[in-house]
Amino acid sequence: MLVISIQSQVVHGHVGNSAAVFPMQAEGVSVAAVPTTLLSNHPRYPTLRGRVLEAELLADLIVGVEERGLLERAAVLLTGYLGSAANADVVADFVARAKQRNPRLVYLCDPVLGDDGKAYVADGIVETMRRRLVPAATFVTPNQFELELLSGVKVQDASHLRAASRAIAAPGVRGIIATGCTLADTPAGQVETIVCANDTLARFATPRLPIRPCGTGDLLTGLIAAKLAKGAAVEAAVREAVDAVFAVLLRTQEAGAEEMCLVTWPARRRSR
């Protein structure tokens, strides 16, 4: 039960691997965490230190992953924020090698391109995501904006979500897991995570809380990766991950904290 997780890392706060690694480990899964950035904090703060890693350094770290035989042992490969177009190409090359060398590997692709109607990634990343990474994935976890950006379909209802999922799902993609969704029939005051597989939707709603800490999508995708690594079916993995993230958000709201409260993991589950 090993997950290779390639995404950002921060000193303070919980985004990227700094949101996902500890919860995955607490779920009993080993994690090989490869950073694409080393930053002091996420960009919502007034200052930001550190940098996106150079593509040569990222490629060298990935070679080390391969030299240690981790690729053959891994159950899941997770990718998130990549930082630069050059890094996106390095990761896409690795994904291609990984799928050849470990046909059982589940590739979970979290696009991490933007939110709230706005892209926030470097030029070239969206194109590499569309052309190389999403088509190679087993499951893709875009938020509603990213699904629209990748597919060119405005997602307003369930039929649009199906159409958008079909637009980006290459033959090997087994499902699209759309996060942070508010559709025409989403109950008022709620937000949904929706699994679209074989044109069938499984919808998981939670109350929309009046807080928006950074990294909730990274936490959700990390937990899905851990559940899949342990052999869970995708719908069960998503349901349990959604419950756990909502419990973290409740705890964060109760604490009045600006960053997600992860230190008392495992999170208590919400009542059904």
C-alpha atoms as a PDB file:
ATOM      1  CA  MET A   1       0.000   0.000   0.000  1.00  0.00           C
ATOM      2  CA  LEU A   2       2.258   2.729  -1.351  1.00  0.00           C
ATOM      3  CA  VAL A   3       1.202   6.032  -2.923  1.00  0.00           C
ATOM      4  CA  ILE A   4       3.649   8.129  -4.954  1.00  0.00           C
ATOM      5  CA  SER A   5       2.438  11.712  -4.531  1.00  0.00           C
ATOM      6  CA  ILE A   6       3.871  14.432  -6.794  1.00  0.00           C
ATOM      7  CA  GLN A   7       2.657  17.921  -5.861  1.00  0.00           C
ATOM      8  CA  SER A   8       3.497  21.140  -4.017  1.00  0.00           C
ATOM      9  CA  GLN A   9       4.970  21.380  -0.526  1.00  0.00           C
ATOM     10  CA  VAL A  10       4.825  24.278   1.964  1.00  0.00           C
ATOM     11  CA  VAL A  11       6.498  25.028   5.291  1.00  0.00           C
ATOM     12  CA  HIS A  12       3.376  26.510   6.912  1.00  0.00           C
ATOM     13  CA  GLY A  13      -0.195  25.422   6.254  1.00  0.00           C
ATOM     14  CA  HIS A  14      -1.814  22.531   4.455  1.00  0.00           C
ATOM     15  CA  VAL A  15      -1.791  22.426   0.675  1.00  0.00           C
ATOM     16  CA  GLY A  16      -0.433  19.836  -1.750  1.00  0.00           C
ATOM     17  CA  ASN A  17       1.655  17.163  -0.058  1.00  0.00           C
ATOM     18  CA  SER A  18       1.514  19.228   3.140  1.00  0.00           C
ATOM     19  CA  ALA A  19      -2.238  18.547   3.194  1.00  0.00           C
ATOM     20  CA  ALA A  20      -2.263  14.998   1.880  1.00  0.00           C
ATOM     21  CA  VAL A  21       0.722  13.063   3.212  1.00  0.00           C
ATOM     22  CA  PHE A  22      -0.102  12.903   6.920  1.00  0.00           C
ATOM     23  CA  PRO A  23      -3.756  11.860   6.407  1.00  0.00           C
ATOM     24  CA  MET A  24      -2.675   9.189   3.911  1.00  0.00           C
ATOM     25  CA  GLN A  25      -0.134   7.864   6.394  1.00  0.00           C
ATOM     26  CA  ALA A  26      -2.749   7.948   9.156  1.00  0.00           C
ATOM     27  CA  GLU A  27      -4.917   5.768   6.923  1.00  0.00           C
ATOM     28  CA  GLY A  28      -2.142   3.161   7.030  1.00  0.00           C
ATOM     29  CA  VAL A  29      -0.669   3.918   3.604  1.00  0.00           C
ATOM     30  CA  SER A  30       3.025   4.560   2.914  1.00  0.00           C
ATOM     31  CA  VAL A  31       3.739   7.695   0.884  1.00  0.00           C
ATOM     32  CA  ALA A  32       6.663   8.646  -1.342  1.00  0.00           C
ATOM     33  CA  ALA A  33       6.201  12.437  -1.466  1.00  0.00           C
ATOM     34  CA  VAL A  34       7.878  14.252  -4.351  1.00  0.00           C
ATOM     35  CA  PRO A  35       7.702  18.082  -4.181  1.00  0.00           C
ATOM     36  CA  THR A  36       7.113  20.267  -7.248  1.00  0.00           C
ATOM     37  CA  THR A  37       7.458  23.445  -5.170  1.00  0.00           C
ATOM     38  CA  LEU A  38       9.097  24.379  -1.889  1.00  0.00           C
ATOM     39  CA  LEU A  39       7.265  27.429  -0.546  1.00  0.00           C
ATOM     40  CA  SER A  40       6.940  29.108   2.819  1.00  0.00           C
ATOM     41  CA  ASN A  41       3.132  29.079   2.593  1.00  0.00           C
ATOM     42  CA  HIS A  42       0.294  29.169   0.070  1.00  0.00           C
ATOM     43  CA  PRO A  43      -0.270  32.367  -1.949  1.00  0.00           C
ATOM     44  CA  ARG A  44      -3.243  33.610   0.100  1.00  0.00           C
ATOM     45  CA  TYR A  45      -0.830  35.133   2.597  1.00  0.00           C
ATOM     46  CA  PRO A  46       0.590  38.626   1.982  1.00  0.00           C
ATOM     47  CA  THR A  47       4.131  37.281   1.490  1.00  0.00           C
ATOM     48  CA  LEU A  48       5.475  34.167  -0.190  1.00  0.00           C
ATOM     49  CA  ARG A  49       8.997  32.713  -0.077  1.00  0.00           C
ATOM     50  CA  GLY A  50      10.616  29.825  -1.886  1.00  0.00           C
ATOM     51  CA  ARG A  51      10.077  28.760  -5.473  1.00  0.00           C
ATOM     52  CA  VAL A  52       8.817  26.241  -7.966  1.00  0.00           C
ATOM     53  CA  LEU A  53      11.439  23.513  -8.304  1.00  0.00           C
ATOM     54  CA  GLU A  54      13.503  23.472 -11.471  1.00  0.00           C
ATOM     55  CA  ALA A  55      12.465  20.758 -13.909  1.00  0.00           C
ATOM     56  CA  GLU A  56      15.956  19.220 -13.750  1.00  0.00           C
ATOM     57  CA  LEU A  57      15.705  18.827  -9.974  1.00  0.00           C
ATOM     58  CA  LEU A  58      12.198  17.368 -10.159  1.00  0.00           C
ATOM     59  CA  ALA A  59      13.338  14.901 -12.827  1.00  0.00           C
ATOM     60  CA  ASP A  60      16.310  13.907 -10.660  1.00  0.00           C
ATOM     61  CA  LEU A  61      14.066  13.244  -7.647  1.00  0.00           C
ATOM     62  CA  ILE A  62      11.808  11.103  -9.825  1.00  0.00           C
ATOM     63  CA  VAL A  63      14.813   9.106 -11.039  1.00  0.00           C
ATOM     64  CA  GLY A  64      15.565   8.437  -7.362  1.00  0.00           C
ATOM     65  CA  VAL A  65      12.008   7.144  -6.900  1.00  0.00           C
ATOM     66  CA  GLU A  66      12.580   4.739  -9.785  1.00  0.00           C
ATOM     67  CA  GLU A  67      16.026   3.656  -8.540  1.00  0.00           C
ATOM     68  CA  ARG A  68      14.564   2.669  -5.171  1.00  0.00           C
ATOM     69  CA  GLY A  69      12.047   0.381  -6.909  1.00  0.00           C
ATOM     70  CA  LEU A  70       9.090   2.396  -5.607  1.00  0.00           C
ATOM     71  CA  LEU A  71       7.321   2.440  -8.938  1.00  0.00           C
ATOM     72  CA  GLU A  72       6.943  -1.331  -9.025  1.00  0.00           C
ATOM     73  CA  ARG A  73       5.650  -1.344  -5.411  1.00  0.00           C
ATOM     74  CA  ALA A  74       3.177   1.512  -5.757  1.00  0.00           C
ATOM     75  CA  ALA A  75      -0.568   0.989  -5.854  1.00  0.00           C
ATOM     76  CA  VAL A  76      -1.446   4.596  -6.720  1.00  0.00           C
ATOM     77  CA  LEU A  77       0.347   7.477  -8.418  1.00  0.00           C
ATOM     78  CA  LEU A  78      -1.121  10.866  -7.475  1.00  0.00           C
ATOM     79  CA  THR A  79      -0.234  14.138  -9.186  1.00  0.00           C
ATOM     80  CA  GLY A  80      -1.367  17.619  -8.179  1.00  0.00           C
ATOM     81  CA  TYR A  81       0.042  21.136  -8.551  1.00  0.00           C
ATOM     82  CA  LEU A  82       2.984  21.064 -10.968  1.00  0.00           C
ATOM     83  CA  GLY A  83       4.248  24.643 -10.912  1.00  0.00           C
ATOM     84  CA  SER A  84       5.612  25.023 -14.450  1.00  0.00           C
ATOM     85  CA  ALA A  85       5.093  23.760 -17.973  1.00  0.00           C
ATOM     86  CA  ALA A  86       8.527  22.110 -17.856  1.00  0.00           C
ATOM     87  CA  ASN A  87       7.559  20.259 -14.670  1.00  0.00           C
ATOM     88  CA  ALA A  88       4.301  19.157 -16.304  1.00  0.00           C
ATOM     89  CA  ASP A  89       6.290  17.572 -19.142  1.00  0.00           C
ATOM     90  CA  VAL A  90       8.647  15.843 -16.665  1.00  0.00           C
ATOM     91  CA  VAL A  91       5.665  14.405 -14.793  1.00  0.00           C
ATOM     92  CA  ALA A  92       3.899  13.366 -18.009  1.00  0.00           C
ATOM     93  CA  ASP A  93       7.032  11.489 -19.097  1.00  0.00           C
ATOM     94  CA  PHE A  94       7.131   9.736 -15.714  1.00  0.00           C
ATOM     95  CA  VAL A  95       3.447   8.803 -15.904  1.00  0.00           C
ATOM     96  CA  ALA A  96       4.030   7.206 -19.301  1.00  0.00           C
ATOM     97  CA  ARG A  97       6.976   5.175 -17.955  1.00  0.00           C
ATOM     98  CA  ALA A  98       5.050   4.263 -14.813  1.00  0.00           C
ATOM     99  CA  LYS A  99       2.094   2.842 -16.695  1.00  0.00           C
ATOM    100  CA  GLN A 100       4.387   0.731 -18.851  1.00  0.00           C
ATOM    101  CA  ARG A 101       6.383  -0.639 -15.935  1.00  0.00           C
ATOM    102  CA  ASN A 102       3.470  -1.178 -13.525  1.00  0.00           C
ATOM    103  CA  PRO A 103       0.263  -1.974 -15.440  1.00  0.00           C
ATOM    104  CA  ARG A 104      -1.653  -2.389 -12.149  1.00  0.00           C
ATOM    105  CA  LEU A 105      -0.892   1.186 -11.099  1.00  0.00           C
ATOM    106  CA  VAL A 106      -3.871   3.479 -10.527  1.00  0.00           C
ATOM    107  CA  TYR A 107      -3.087   6.996 -11.735  1.00  0.00           C
ATOM    108  CA  LEU A 108      -5.114   9.657  -9.908  1.00  0.00           C
ATOM    109  CA  CYS A 109      -4.753  13.002 -11.670  1.00  0.00           C
ATOM    110  CA  ASP A 110      -5.764  16.131  -9.766  1.00  0.00           C
ATOM    111  CA  PRO A 111      -5.530  18.909 -12.387  1.00  0.00           C
ATOM    112  CA  VAL A 112      -5.064  21.851  -9.928  1.00  0.00           C
ATOM    113  CA  LEU A 113      -5.508  24.537 -12.584  1.00  0.00           C
ATOM    114  CA  GLY A 114      -7.730  27.126 -10.903  1.00  0.00           C
ATOM    115  CA  ASP A 115     -10.979  27.864  -9.102  1.00  0.00           C
ATOM    116  CA  ASP A 116     -13.703  30.494  -8.776  1.00  0.00           C
ATOM    117  CA  GLY A 117     -13.706  31.091 -12.520  1.00  0.00           C
ATOM    118  CA  LYS A 118      -9.984  31.820 -12.772  1.00  0.00           C
ATOM    119  CA  ALA A 119      -6.925  29.794 -13.825  1.00  0.00           C
ATOM    120  CA  TYR A 120      -3.810  30.341 -11.718  1.00  0.00           C
ATOM    121  CA  VAL A 121      -1.174  28.170 -13.417  1.00  0.00           C
ATOM    122  CA  ALA A 122       1.730  28.952 -15.732  1.00  0.00           C
ATOM    123  CA  ASP A 123       1.294  29.004 -19.496  1.00  0.00           C
ATOM    124  CA  GLY A 124       1.478  25.568 -21.068  1.00  0.00           C
ATOM    125  CA  ILE A 125       0.251  23.527 -18.101  1.00  0.00           C
ATOM    126  CA  VAL A 126      -3.391  23.419 -19.226  1.00  0.00           C
ATOM    127  CA  GLU A 127      -2.354  22.132 -22.646  1.00  0.00           C
ATOM    128  CA  THR A 128      -0.129  19.393 -21.177  1.00  0.00           C
ATOM    129  CA  MET A 129      -2.928  18.463 -18.793  1.00  0.00           C
ATOM    130  CA  ARG A 130      -5.406  18.136 -21.665  1.00  0.00           C
ATOM    131  CA  ARG A 131      -3.065  16.400 -24.088  1.00  0.00           C
ATOM    132  CA  ARG A 132      -0.984  14.084 -21.894  1.00  0.00           C
ATOM    133  CA  LEU A 133      -1.935  13.788 -18.215  1.00  0.00           C
ATOM    134  CA  VAL A 134      -5.740  13.574 -18.183  1.00  0.00           C
ATOM    135  CA  PRO A 135      -5.858  10.994 -21.022  1.00  0.00           C
ATOM    136  CA  ALA A 136      -3.346   8.833 -19.124  1.00  0.00           C
ATOM    137  CA  ALA A 137      -5.310   8.886 -15.861  1.00  0.00           C
ATOM    138  CA  THR A 138      -7.385   6.166 -14.250  1.00  0.00           C
ATOM    139  CA  PHE A 139      -9.403   8.776 -12.334  1.00  0.00           C
ATOM    140  CA  VAL A 140      -9.402  12.579 -12.663  1.00  0.00           C
ATOM    141  CA  THR A 141     -10.463  14.905  -9.817  1.00  0.00           C
ATOM    142  CA  PRO A 142     -11.183  18.370 -11.278  1.00  0.00           C
ATOM    143  CA  ASN A 143     -13.211  20.957  -9.432  1.00  0.00           C
ATOM    144  CA  GLN A 144     -16.187  22.351 -11.339  1.00  0.00           C
ATOM    145  CA  PHE A 145     -14.185  25.183 -12.910  1.00  0.00           C
ATOM    146  CA  GLU A 146     -11.350  22.839 -13.951  1.00  0.00           C
ATOM    147  CA  LEU A 147     -13.832  20.414 -15.506  1.00  0.00           C
ATOM    148  CA  GLU A 148     -15.252  23.278 -17.562  1.00  0.00           C
ATOM    149  CA  LEU A 149     -11.778  24.511 -18.510  1.00  0.00           C
ATOM    150  CA  LEU A 150     -10.576  21.089 -19.648  1.00  0.00           C
ATOM    151  CA  SER A 151     -13.770  20.112 -21.481  1.00  0.00           C
ATOM    152  CA  GLY A 152     -15.032  23.414 -22.888  1.00  0.00           C
ATOM    153  CA  VAL A 153     -18.479  22.570 -21.495  1.00  0.00           C
ATOM    154  CA  LYS A 154     -20.300  24.908 -19.088  1.00  0.00           C
ATOM    155  CA  VAL A 155     -21.420  22.624 -16.255  1.00  0.00           C
ATOM    156  CA  GLN A 156     -24.825  23.772 -15.006  1.00  0.00           C
ATOM    157  CA  ASP A 157     -26.684  20.498 -14.475  1.00  0.00           C
ATOM    158  CA  ALA A 158     -26.199  16.724 -14.458  1.00  0.00           C
ATOM    159  CA  SER A 159     -26.447  16.399 -18.240  1.00  0.00           C
ATOM    160  CA  HIS A 160     -23.713  19.000 -18.692  1.00  0.00           C
ATOM    161  CA  LEU A 161     -21.519  17.196 -16.160  1.00  0.00           C
ATOM    162  CA  ARG A 162     -21.922  13.951 -18.097  1.00  0.00           C
ATOM    163  CA  ALA A 163     -21.074  15.740 -21.355  1.00  0.00           C
ATOM    164  CA  ALA A 164     -17.998  17.406 -19.826  1.00  0.00           C
ATOM    165  CA  SER A 165     -16.825  14.084 -18.392  1.00  0.00           C
ATOM    166  CA  ARG A 166     -17.233  12.382 -21.761  1.00  0.00           C
ATOM    167  CA  ALA A 167     -15.267  15.187 -23.411  1.00  0.00           C
ATOM    168  CA  ILE A 168     -12.153  14.622 -21.285  1.00  0.00           C
ATOM    169  CA  ALA A 169     -12.381  10.875 -20.611  1.00  0.00           C
ATOM    170  CA  ALA A 170      -9.964   8.979 -22.868  1.00  0.00           C
ATOM    171  CA  PRO A 171     -10.476   5.199 -23.295  1.00  0.00           C
ATOM    172  CA  GLY A 172      -8.427   4.301 -20.211  1.00  0.00           C
ATOM    173  CA  VAL A 173     -10.099   6.801 -17.885  1.00  0.00           C
ATOM    174  CA  ARG A 174     -12.432   4.912 -15.552  1.00  0.00           C
ATOM    175  CA  GLY A 175     -14.113   7.901 -13.924  1.00  0.00           C
ATOM    176  CA  ILE A 176     -14.232  11.641 -13.379  1.00  0.00           C
ATOM    177  CA  ILE A 177     -14.587  12.793  -9.763  1.00  0.00           C
ATOM    178  CA  ALA A 178     -15.878  16.371  -9.930  1.00  0.00           C
ATOM    179  CA  THR A 179     -15.399  18.310  -6.701  1.00  0.00           C
ATOM    180  CA  GLY A 180     -16.883  21.501  -5.295  1.00  0.00           C
ATOM    181  CA  CYS A 181     -19.952  21.230  -7.520  1.00  0.00           C
ATOM    182  CA  THR A 182     -23.059  23.380  -7.349  1.00  0.00           C
ATOM    183  CA  LEU A 183     -25.515  22.259 -10.031  1.00  0.00           C
ATOM    184  CA  ALA A 184     -29.032  23.441 -10.781  1.00  0.00           C
ATOM    185  CA  ASP A 185     -30.507  20.724  -8.571  1.00  0.00           C
ATOM    186  CA  THR A 186     -27.908  20.783  -5.798  1.00  0.00           C
ATOM    187  CA  PRO A 187     -29.825  21.342  -2.538  1.00  0.00           C
ATOM    188  CA  ALA A 188     -29.583  24.911  -1.276  1.00  0.00           C
ATOM    189  CA  GLY A 189     -26.672  25.473   1.083  1.00  0.00           C
ATOM    190  CA  GLN A 190     -24.851  22.315  -0.012  1.00  0.00           C
ATOM    191  CA  VAL A 191     -21.868  21.434  -2.181  1.00  0.00           C
ATOM    192  CA  GLU A 192     -21.363  18.146  -4.016  1.00  0.00           C
ATOM    193  CA  THR A 193     -18.622  15.767  -5.041  1.00  0.00           C
ATOM    194  CA  ILE A 194     -19.861  13.781  -8.031  1.00  0.00           C
ATOM    195  CA  VAL A 195     -18.418  10.583  -9.501  1.00  0.00           C
ATOM    196  CA  CYS A 196     -19.173  10.130 -13.190  1.00  0.00           C
ATOM    197  CA  ALA A 197     -18.351   6.613 -14.391  1.00  0.00           C
ATOM    198  CA  ASN A 198     -19.908   4.948 -17.443  1.00  0.00           C
ATOM    199  CA  ASP A 199     -22.208   7.989 -17.728  1.00  0.00           C
ATOM    200  CA  THR A 200     -23.688   7.163 -14.299  1.00  0.00           C
ATOM    201  CA  LEU A 201     -23.493   9.705 -11.485  1.00  0.00           C
ATOM    202  CA  ALA A 202     -22.933   9.042  -7.783  1.00  0.00           C
ATOM    203  CA  ARG A 203     -23.456  12.271  -5.816  1.00  0.00           C
ATOM    204  CA  PHE A 204     -22.181  13.068  -2.319  1.00  0.00           C
ATOM    205  CA  ALA A 205     -23.397  16.327  -0.748  1.00  0.00           C
ATOM    206  CA  THR A 206     -22.330  18.110   2.430  1.00  0.00           C
ATOM    207  CA  PRO A 207     -23.388  21.463   3.896  1.00  0.00           C
ATOM    208  CA  ARG A 208     -21.443  24.428   2.555  1.00  0.00           C
ATOM    209  CA  LEU A 209     -19.696  25.942   5.574  1.00  0.00           C
ATOM    210  CA  PRO A 210     -18.821  29.655   5.847  1.00  0.00           C
ATOM    211  CA  ILE A 211     -15.077  28.952   5.714  1.00  0.00           C
ATOM    212  CA  ARG A 212     -12.732  28.242   2.800  1.00  0.00           C
ATOM    213  CA  PRO A 213      -9.317  27.120   4.009  1.00  0.00           C
ATOM    214  CA  CYS A 214      -6.802  26.303   1.301  1.00  0.00           C
ATOM    215  CA  GLY A 215      -5.984  22.693   0.488  1.00  0.00           C
ATOM    216  CA  THR A 216      -9.349  20.980   0.911  1.00  0.00           C
ATOM    217  CA  GLY A 217      -9.158  19.570  -2.620  1.00  0.00           C
ATOM    218  CA  ASP A 218      -5.640  18.287  -1.979  1.00  0.00           C
ATOM    219  CA  LEU A 219      -6.810  16.622   1.228  1.00  0.00           C
ATOM    220  CA  LEU A 220      -9.801  15.058  -0.523  1.00  0.00           C
ATOM    221  CA  THR A 221      -7.736  13.679  -3.386  1.00  0.00           C
ATOM    222  CA  GLY A 222      -5.097  12.344  -1.004  1.00  0.00           C
ATOM    223  CA  LEU A 223      -7.729  10.495   0.995  1.00  0.00           C
ATOM    224  CA  ILE A 224      -9.261   9.058  -2.178  1.00  0.00           C
ATOM    225  CA  ALA A 225      -5.776   7.875  -3.181  1.00  0.00           C
ATOM    226  CA  ALA A 226      -5.298   6.189   0.201  1.00  0.00           C
ATOM    227  CA  LYS A 227      -8.675   4.447  -0.009  1.00  0.00           C
ATOM    228  CA  LEU A 228      -7.961   3.230  -3.541  1.00  0.00           C
ATOM    229  CA  ALA A 229      -4.522   1.989  -2.471  1.00  0.00           C
ATOM    230  CA  LYS A 230      -6.246  -0.080   0.218  1.00  0.00           C
ATOM    231  CA  GLY A 231      -8.514  -1.662  -2.391  1.00  0.00           C
ATOM    232  CA  ALA A 232     -11.728   0.336  -2.001  1.00  0.00           C
ATOM    233  CA  ALA A 233     -14.083   0.782  -4.949  1.00  0.00           C
ATOM    234  CA  VAL A 234     -14.122   4.345  -6.231  1.00  0.00           C
ATOM    235  CA  GLU A 235     -17.599   5.274  -4.931  1.00  0.00           C
ATOM    236  CA  ALA A 236     -16.789   3.996  -1.441  1.00  0.00           C
ATOM    237  CA  ALA A 237     -13.418   5.776  -1.535  1.00  0.00           C
ATOM    238  CA  VAL A 238     -15.051   9.078  -2.474  1.00  0.00           C
ATOM    239  CA  ARG A 239     -17.857   8.758   0.075  1.00  0.00           C
ATOM    240  CA  GLU A 240     -15.446   8.113   2.945  1.00  0.00           C
ATOM    241  CA  ALA A 241     -13.073  10.868   1.805  1.00  0.00           C
ATOM    242  CA  VAL A 242     -15.916  13.413   1.553  1.00  0.00           C
ATOM    243  CA  ASP A 243     -17.062  12.537   5.072  1.00  0.00           C
ATOM    244  CA  ALA A 244     -13.537  12.911   6.445  1.00  0.00           C
ATOM    245  CA  VAL A 245     -12.936  16.277   4.774  1.00  0.00           C
ATOM    246  CA  PHE A 246     -16.246  17.621   6.068  1.00  0.00           C
ATOM    247  CA  ALA A 247     -15.290  16.531   9.577  1.00  0.00           C
ATOM    248  CA  VAL A 248     -11.969  18.391   9.215  1.00  0.00           C
ATOM    249  CA  LEU A 249     -13.810  21.522   8.052  1.00  0.00           C
ATOM    250  CA  LEU A 250     -16.213  21.336  10.990  1.00  0.00           C
ATOM    251  CA  ARG A 251     -13.281  21.053  13.383  1.00  0.00           C
ATOM    252  CA  THR A 252     -11.521  23.946  11.640  1.00  0.00           C
ATOM    253  CA  GLN A 253     -14.630  26.114  11.914  1.00  0.00           C
ATOM    254  CA  GLU A 254     -15.089  25.273  15.591  1.00  0.00           C
ATOM    255  CA  ALA A 255     -11.441  26.186  16.266  1.00  0.00           C
ATOM    256  CA  GLY A 256     -11.655  29.457  14.338  1.00  0.00           C
ATOM    257  CA  ALA A 257      -8.454  28.420  12.539  1.00  0.00           C
ATOM    258  CA  GLU A 258      -7.258  29.809   9.215  1.00  0.00           C
ATOM    259  CA  GLU A 259      -5.580  26.515   8.250  1.00  0.00           C
ATOM    260  CA  MET A 260      -7.228  23.093   8.270  1.00  0.00           C
ATOM    261  CA  CYS A 261      -7.024  21.296  11.630  1.00  0.00           C
ATOM    262  CA  LEU A 262      -5.395  17.968  10.786  1.00  0.00           C
ATOM    263  CA  VAL A 263      -3.466  17.195  13.946  1.00  0.00           C
ATOM    264  CA  THR A 264      -6.253  15.271  15.706  1.00  0.00           C
ATOM    265  CA  TRP A 265      -6.631  12.771  12.864  1.00  0.00           C
ATOM    266  CA  PRO A 266      -8.523  10.535  12.275  1.00  0.00           C
ATOM    267  CA  ALA A 267     -11.383  12.894  11.673  1.00  0.00           C
ATOM    268  CA  ARG A 268     -14.716  11.955  13.188  1.00  0.00           C
ATOM    269  CA  ARG A 269     -17.328  11.105  10.606  1.00  0.00           C
ATOM    270  CA  ARG A 270     -20.440  13.201  10.137  1.00  0.00           C
ATOM    271  CA  SER A 271     -23.743  11.652  11.107  1.00  0.00           C
ATOM    272  CA  ARG A 272     -25.871  10.397   8.249  1.00  0.00           C
END
